[in-house]
Protein backbone atom coordinates (compact mmCIF):
# COMPACT_ATOMS: atom_id res chain seq x y z
CA MET A 1 88.66 13.36 -25.83
CA PRO A 2 88.40 11.67 -21.90
CA VAL A 3 87.50 13.93 -19.22
CA THR A 4 90.50 15.36 -17.80
CA THR A 5 89.84 16.89 -14.26
CA ILE A 6 86.48 17.57 -11.61
CA ASP A 7 86.09 20.16 -9.37
CA PRO A 8 86.39 19.78 -5.83
CA ASN A 9 82.96 20.83 -5.86
CA THR A 10 80.90 18.87 -8.67
CA ALA A 11 77.10 17.84 -8.99
CA LEU A 12 75.78 15.06 -10.67
CA ILE A 13 72.84 15.81 -13.06
CA VAL A 14 70.53 13.12 -14.23
CA VAL A 15 67.87 13.86 -16.65
CA ASP A 16 64.74 12.52 -17.42
CA LEU A 17 65.36 9.01 -16.18
CA GLN A 18 61.58 8.87 -15.50
CA LYS A 19 58.60 6.10 -16.22
CA GLY A 20 57.36 8.22 -19.32
CA ILE A 21 60.88 8.21 -20.85
CA VAL A 22 62.74 5.57 -20.88
CA GLY A 23 60.00 3.22 -22.45
CA LEU A 24 60.53 5.87 -25.72
CA ALA A 25 64.35 4.04 -25.93
CA PRO A 26 65.52 0.91 -26.92
CA ALA A 27 65.78 -1.26 -23.55
CA GLU A 28 69.23 -2.63 -23.57
CA ALA A 29 70.32 1.07 -24.40
CA ILE A 30 68.23 2.06 -21.30
CA ASP A 31 69.42 -0.58 -18.55
CA GLN A 32 72.97 0.75 -19.29
CA VAL A 33 71.98 4.28 -18.87
CA VAL A 34 70.46 3.49 -16.06
CA ARG A 35 73.23 1.10 -14.53
CA ASN A 36 75.86 3.77 -15.11
CA SER A 37 73.74 6.68 -13.70
CA ARG A 38 73.33 4.89 -10.82
CA ARG A 39 76.95 4.10 -10.31
CA LEU A 40 77.51 7.75 -10.36
CA ILE A 41 75.04 8.61 -8.13
CA ASP A 42 76.77 6.40 -5.81
CA ALA A 43 80.07 7.38 -6.29
CA PHE A 44 78.96 10.94 -6.11
CA ARG A 45 77.26 10.26 -2.48
CA ARG A 46 80.67 8.34 -1.46
CA LYS A 47 82.07 12.10 -1.75
CA GLN A 48 79.22 13.72 -0.36
CA LEU A 49 78.56 15.53 -3.65
CA PRO A 50 75.01 16.84 -4.94
CA VAL A 51 72.91 14.64 -6.77
CA VAL A 52 70.11 16.31 -8.90
CA LEU A 53 67.46 14.22 -10.23
CA VAL A 54 65.63 16.09 -12.84
CA ASN A 55 61.98 14.96 -14.58
CA VAL A 56 59.79 16.35 -17.38
CA ALA A 57 56.14 16.92 -16.43
CA GLY A 58 54.96 18.89 -19.40
CA GLY A 59 56.62 20.95 -22.58
CA ALA A 60 56.84 24.09 -23.85
CA PRO A 61 54.16 26.04 -25.37
CA GLY A 62 55.44 26.64 -28.89
CA ARG A 63 54.35 25.40 -32.19
CA THR A 64 56.43 22.56 -33.68
CA GLU A 65 56.28 20.71 -36.83
CA GLN A 66 56.42 17.87 -35.17
CA SER A 67 52.94 16.73 -33.55
CA ARG A 68 53.07 16.03 -30.27
CA PRO A 69 51.27 14.21 -27.49
CA ARG A 70 47.90 15.71 -26.47
CA GLY A 71 45.80 14.46 -23.70
CA GLU A 72 46.76 13.58 -20.22
CA LEU A 73 50.01 11.64 -19.27
CA PRO A 74 49.83 8.49 -17.46
CA ALA A 75 49.60 9.47 -13.20
CA ASP A 76 52.96 8.01 -13.28
CA TRP A 77 54.36 9.43 -16.17
CA ALA A 78 56.85 11.93 -14.37
CA ASP A 79 58.03 9.62 -11.05
CA LEU A 80 61.54 9.06 -11.58
CA LEU A 81 63.10 5.18 -11.81
CA PRO A 82 62.90 3.09 -8.63
CA GLU A 83 66.71 2.38 -9.35
CA LEU A 84 68.19 5.57 -9.07
CA GLY A 85 67.44 5.70 -4.96
CA GLN A 86 65.88 8.88 -4.91
CA ARG A 87 66.84 10.23 -1.45
CA PRO A 88 65.59 13.03 0.62
CA GLU A 89 69.07 15.15 0.22
CA ASP A 90 68.73 14.62 -3.12
CA ILE A 91 68.05 17.78 -5.13
CA THR A 92 64.97 17.08 -7.72
CA VAL A 93 64.18 19.79 -10.52
CA THR A 94 60.64 19.15 -12.16
CA LYS A 95 61.34 20.98 -15.59
CA ARG A 96 58.80 21.80 -18.62
CA THR A 97 61.29 22.80 -21.10
CA TRP A 98 64.00 20.48 -22.68
CA GLY A 99 66.86 21.93 -20.23
CA ALA A 100 66.77 21.73 -16.34
CA PHE A 101 67.92 25.10 -16.22
CA ALA A 102 65.07 27.04 -17.81
CA SER A 103 62.07 28.34 -15.89
CA THR A 104 63.59 26.15 -12.50
CA ASP A 105 66.18 27.44 -9.81
CA ILE A 106 68.64 24.73 -10.32
CA GLU A 107 71.83 27.28 -10.94
CA GLN A 108 70.67 29.24 -7.96
CA GLN A 109 70.71 26.05 -5.82
CA LEU A 110 74.01 24.87 -7.25
CA LYS A 111 75.87 28.19 -7.04
CA GLY A 112 74.25 28.40 -3.60
CA LEU A 113 76.31 25.06 -2.89
CA GLY A 114 79.88 26.36 -4.40
CA VAL A 115 79.37 24.11 -6.80
CA THR A 116 81.42 25.08 -10.01
CA GLN A 117 81.23 21.93 -12.66
CA VAL A 118 78.45 19.54 -13.25
CA VAL A 119 78.52 15.98 -14.86
CA VAL A 120 75.05 15.05 -16.84
CA THR A 121 73.61 11.71 -17.76
CA GLY A 122 70.32 10.59 -18.85
CA VAL A 123 67.62 10.90 -21.92
CA ALA A 124 67.70 11.64 -24.49
CA THR A 125 71.51 12.42 -25.76
CA SER A 126 70.73 14.96 -28.08
CA ILE A 127 67.30 16.48 -26.51
CA GLY A 128 67.35 17.38 -22.47
CA VAL A 129 70.95 16.28 -21.95
CA GLU A 130 72.31 18.60 -24.39
CA SER A 131 70.28 21.45 -23.53
CA THR A 132 70.75 20.95 -20.04
CA ALA A 133 74.35 20.70 -20.77
CA ARG A 134 74.39 23.70 -23.20
CA GLN A 135 72.79 25.63 -20.58
CA ALA A 136 74.65 25.12 -17.78
CA TYR A 137 77.80 25.78 -20.16
CA GLU A 138 76.03 29.26 -20.68
CA ALA A 139 75.31 29.87 -16.72
CA GLY A 140 78.93 29.76 -16.34
CA PHE A 141 79.11 26.13 -15.21
CA ASN A 142 82.30 23.53 -15.93
CA VAL A 143 80.35 20.45 -18.09
CA THR A 144 81.54 16.65 -18.24
CA LEU A 145 79.42 14.70 -19.92
CA ALA A 146 79.11 11.10 -19.40
CA THR A 147 78.83 9.55 -22.51
CA ASP A 148 77.95 5.73 -21.51
CA ALA A 149 75.42 7.09 -19.17
CA MET A 150 73.14 8.31 -21.76
CA ALA A 151 71.23 7.39 -25.15
CA ASP A 152 68.87 8.75 -27.73
CA LEU A 153 65.79 7.34 -29.74
CA ARG A 154 68.01 7.40 -32.92
CA PRO A 155 71.54 6.49 -32.64
CA GLU A 156 72.75 9.06 -35.04
CA ALA A 157 71.53 11.90 -32.77
CA HIS A 158 73.45 10.33 -30.00
CA GLU A 159 76.73 10.15 -32.10
CA ALA A 160 76.47 13.79 -33.57
CA SER A 161 75.83 15.52 -29.89
CA ILE A 162 78.79 13.32 -28.49
CA ALA A 163 81.08 14.24 -31.70
CA ASN A 164 79.87 17.74 -32.88
CA ILE A 165 78.38 19.54 -29.30
CA PHE A 166 79.94 18.23 -26.54
CA PRO A 167 83.30 18.97 -26.74
CA ARG A 168 82.59 22.66 -27.90
CA MET A 169 80.69 22.83 -24.19
CA GLY A 170 82.67 20.31 -22.12
CA GLU A 171 84.60 17.39 -21.44
CA THR A 172 83.60 13.91 -21.95
CA GLY A 173 84.24 10.67 -20.60
CA THR A 174 82.88 7.13 -19.40
CA THR A 175 81.32 6.38 -16.10
CA ASP A 176 84.73 4.35 -15.22
CA GLN A 177 86.46 7.42 -15.94
CA ILE A 178 84.90 9.75 -13.94
CA ILE A 179 84.37 7.55 -11.02
CA ALA A 180 88.15 7.09 -11.05
CA LEU A 181 88.65 10.82 -11.30
CA LEU A 182 85.81 10.93 -8.11
CA ASP A 183 88.10 8.55 -6.69
CA ARG A 184 91.31 10.55 -6.39
CA ALA A 185 89.74 13.66 -5.72
């Protein structure tokens, strides 16, 4: 179902578009995610709405069945992609879990700005994006997911999140739909 509304005070959250993560997904999918995320960044900036750029610099300490990389990460692993055009006024959040709200002050920052809705983009759809959207929803924000501005390592995981999870915690729409709503606001 397409987006039905954008609140007057909505923030954009761009998840994990950083050097160490984007190389893990198919290049053509990442190119579209970066291009559409940048279009949304530009649209939010034109409306003087908050832009939140999230990177990940580690992981939760618990055990998992899947092995995780060990050792030191490359020095630029957590660097945000230059294509995002990061500005000093952007809110930058570094997380160490899948979702951007756990163990960070993003909720307080956004609520302090009077934000009532978030639009979420990034990678991976079923991990960082979905976890951030869940946490935003649980924190009381209206959530919109830009489905053509996200990608996953596994297409079936991407589709499962979009079809089964996202409609239960928010609204979905394309980059063009969201920008059109912003332009009308």
